[in-house]
């Protein structure tokens, strides 16, 4: 009986696992690579008066890993700080 249940449940569990992995990948890609890069690029360009990062906003793939990660962390940190500041103003 358990073999029948296992053969019925395993394909659904495998499909659910693939869906969850796809959602995780999409969330990671959206959060870091798109939102983090875009906001970080704008903030970095503003702070450095247009010198860094040296690539355009659409050329993220041509940038090295460590500087790209730094720009993305700057972007997410800026968003976090803006949300924190806005929450303190609205809830005060």
C-alpha atoms as a PDB file:
ATOM      1  CA  UNK A   1       0.000   0.000   0.000  1.00  0.00           C
ATOM      2  CA  UNK A   2       2.820   2.398   0.803  1.00  0.00           C
ATOM      3  CA  UNK A   3       4.405   1.724  -2.598  1.00  0.00           C
ATOM      4  CA  UNK A   4       1.230   2.845  -4.338  1.00  0.00           C
ATOM      5  CA  UNK A   5       1.028   6.002  -2.236  1.00  0.00           C
ATOM      6  CA  UNK A   6       4.698   6.724  -2.883  1.00  0.00           C
ATOM      7  CA  UNK A   7       4.283   6.333  -6.646  1.00  0.00           C
ATOM      8  CA  UNK A   8       1.278   8.662  -6.587  1.00  0.00           C
ATOM      9  CA  UNK A   9       2.780  11.325  -4.343  1.00  0.00           C
ATOM     10  CA  UNK A  10       6.371  11.410  -5.662  1.00  0.00           C
ATOM     11  CA  UNK A  11       5.582  13.076  -9.044  1.00  0.00           C
ATOM     12  CA  UNK A  12       3.539  15.787  -7.336  1.00  0.00           C
ATOM     13  CA  UNK A  13       6.241  16.375  -4.734  1.00  0.00           C
ATOM     14  CA  UNK A  14       8.893  16.586  -7.449  1.00  0.00           C
ATOM     15  CA  UNK A  15       6.804  19.048  -9.464  1.00  0.00           C
ATOM     16  CA  UNK A  16       6.168  21.152  -6.350  1.00  0.00           C
ATOM     17  CA  UNK A  17       9.892  21.184  -5.604  1.00  0.00           C
ATOM     18  CA  UNK A  18      10.688  22.412  -9.129  1.00  0.00           C
ATOM     19  CA  UNK A  19       8.063  25.136  -8.853  1.00  0.00           C
ATOM     20  CA  UNK A  20       9.502  26.294  -5.524  1.00  0.00           C
ATOM     21  CA  UNK A  21      13.025  26.297  -6.962  1.00  0.00           C
ATOM     22  CA  UNK A  22      11.852  28.360  -9.925  1.00  0.00           C
ATOM     23  CA  UNK A  23      10.165  30.865  -7.605  1.00  0.00           C
ATOM     24  CA  UNK A  24      13.297  31.107  -5.492  1.00  0.00           C
ATOM     25  CA  UNK A  25      15.425  31.719  -8.573  1.00  0.00           C
ATOM     26  CA  UNK A  26      12.984  34.307  -9.880  1.00  0.00           C
ATOM     27  CA  UNK A  27      12.879  36.096  -6.532  1.00  0.00           C
ATOM     28  CA  UNK A  28      16.663  36.136  -6.285  1.00  0.00           C
ATOM     29  CA  UNK A  29      17.058  37.311  -9.878  1.00  0.00           C
ATOM     30  CA  UNK A  30      14.422  40.007  -9.495  1.00  0.00           C
ATOM     31  CA  UNK A  31      15.593  41.266  -6.125  1.00  0.00           C
ATOM     32  CA  UNK A  32      19.337  41.364  -6.658  1.00  0.00           C
ATOM     33  CA  UNK A  33      19.998  41.498 -10.351  1.00  0.00           C
ATOM     34  CA  UNK A  34      17.240  43.841 -11.425  1.00  0.00           C
ATOM     35  CA  UNK A  35      16.135  45.975  -8.485  1.00  0.00           C
ATOM     36  CA  UNK A  36      19.429  45.974  -6.572  1.00  0.00           C
ATOM     37  CA  UNK A  37      21.515  46.718  -9.660  1.00  0.00           C
ATOM     38  CA  UNK A  38      19.243  49.478 -10.953  1.00  0.00           C
ATOM     39  CA  UNK A  39      18.952  51.352  -7.655  1.00  0.00           C
ATOM     40  CA  UNK A  40      22.612  50.739  -6.786  1.00  0.00           C
ATOM     41  CA  UNK A  41      23.736  51.936 -10.195  1.00  0.00           C
ATOM     42  CA  UNK A  42      21.760  55.159  -9.835  1.00  0.00           C
ATOM     43  CA  UNK A  43      23.024  55.795  -6.294  1.00  0.00           C
ATOM     44  CA  UNK A  44      26.634  54.953  -7.182  1.00  0.00           C
ATOM     45  CA  UNK A  45      26.550  57.176 -10.254  1.00  0.00           C
ATOM     46  CA  UNK A  46      25.114  60.019  -8.181  1.00  0.00           C
ATOM     47  CA  UNK A  47      27.653  59.679  -5.378  1.00  0.00           C
ATOM     48  CA  UNK A  48      30.675  59.359  -7.699  1.00  0.00           C
ATOM     49  CA  UNK A  49      29.455  62.058 -10.130  1.00  0.00           C
ATOM     50  CA  UNK A  50      29.046  59.596 -13.001  1.00  0.00           C
ATOM     51  CA  UNK A  51      32.400  57.806 -12.755  1.00  0.00           C
ATOM     52  CA  UNK A  52      31.416  54.488 -11.171  1.00  0.00           C
ATOM     53  CA  UNK A  53      30.183  51.988 -12.202  1.00  0.00           C
ATOM     54  CA  UNK A  54      31.859  52.419 -15.540  1.00  0.00           C
ATOM     55  CA  UNK A  55      29.299  50.354 -17.475  1.00  0.00           C
ATOM     56  CA  UNK A  56      25.852  51.468 -18.542  1.00  0.00           C
ATOM     57  CA  UNK A  57      22.785  50.471 -16.588  1.00  0.00           C
ATOM     58  CA  UNK A  58      21.953  47.654 -19.046  1.00  0.00           C
ATOM     59  CA  UNK A  59      25.467  46.134 -19.117  1.00  0.00           C
ATOM     60  CA  UNK A  60      25.459  44.435 -15.728  1.00  0.00           C
ATOM     61  CA  UNK A  61      26.763  41.150 -17.166  1.00  0.00           C
ATOM     62  CA  UNK A  62      29.937  42.843 -18.412  1.00  0.00           C
ATOM     63  CA  UNK A  63      30.925  43.962 -14.914  1.00  0.00           C
ATOM     64  CA  UNK A  64      33.092  41.835 -12.605  1.00  0.00           C
ATOM     65  CA  UNK A  65      31.416  39.857  -9.832  1.00  0.00           C
ATOM     66  CA  UNK A  66      32.669  41.737  -6.761  1.00  0.00           C
ATOM     67  CA  UNK A  67      31.935  45.274  -8.008  1.00  0.00           C
ATOM     68  CA  UNK A  68      28.567  44.112  -9.336  1.00  0.00           C
ATOM     69  CA  UNK A  69      27.717  42.597  -5.969  1.00  0.00           C
ATOM     70  CA  UNK A  70      28.804  45.797  -4.228  1.00  0.00           C
ATOM     71  CA  UNK A  71      26.558  47.898  -6.470  1.00  0.00           C
ATOM     72  CA  UNK A  72      23.636  45.537  -5.822  1.00  0.00           C
ATOM     73  CA  UNK A  73      24.188  45.668  -2.047  1.00  0.00           C
ATOM     74  CA  UNK A  74      24.338  49.468  -2.210  1.00  0.00           C
ATOM     75  CA  UNK A  75      21.025  49.451  -4.046  1.00  0.00           C
ATOM     76  CA  UNK A  76      19.321  47.111  -1.604  1.00  0.00           C
ATOM     77  CA  UNK A  77      20.791  49.013   1.341  1.00  0.00           C
ATOM     78  CA  UNK A  78      19.452  52.254  -0.092  1.00  0.00           C
ATOM     79  CA  UNK A  79      15.998  50.744  -0.481  1.00  0.00           C
ATOM     80  CA  UNK A  80      16.127  49.360   3.063  1.00  0.00           C
ATOM     81  CA  UNK A  81      17.236  52.732   4.462  1.00  0.00           C
ATOM     82  CA  UNK A  82      14.514  54.562   2.529  1.00  0.00           C
ATOM     83  CA  UNK A  83      11.845  52.153   3.797  1.00  0.00           C
ATOM     84  CA  UNK A  84      13.163  52.489   7.352  1.00  0.00           C
ATOM     85  CA  UNK A  85      13.153  56.289   7.137  1.00  0.00           C
ATOM     86  CA  UNK A  86       9.659  56.354   5.646  1.00  0.00           C
ATOM     87  CA  UNK A  87       8.344  53.995   8.325  1.00  0.00           C
ATOM     88  CA  UNK A  88       9.764  56.126  11.114  1.00  0.00           C
ATOM     89  CA  UNK A  89       8.139  59.220   9.646  1.00  0.00           C
ATOM     90  CA  UNK A  90       4.756  57.610   9.065  1.00  0.00           C
ATOM     91  CA  UNK A  91       4.605  55.758  12.386  1.00  0.00           C
ATOM     92  CA  UNK A  92       5.930  58.575  14.563  1.00  0.00           C
END
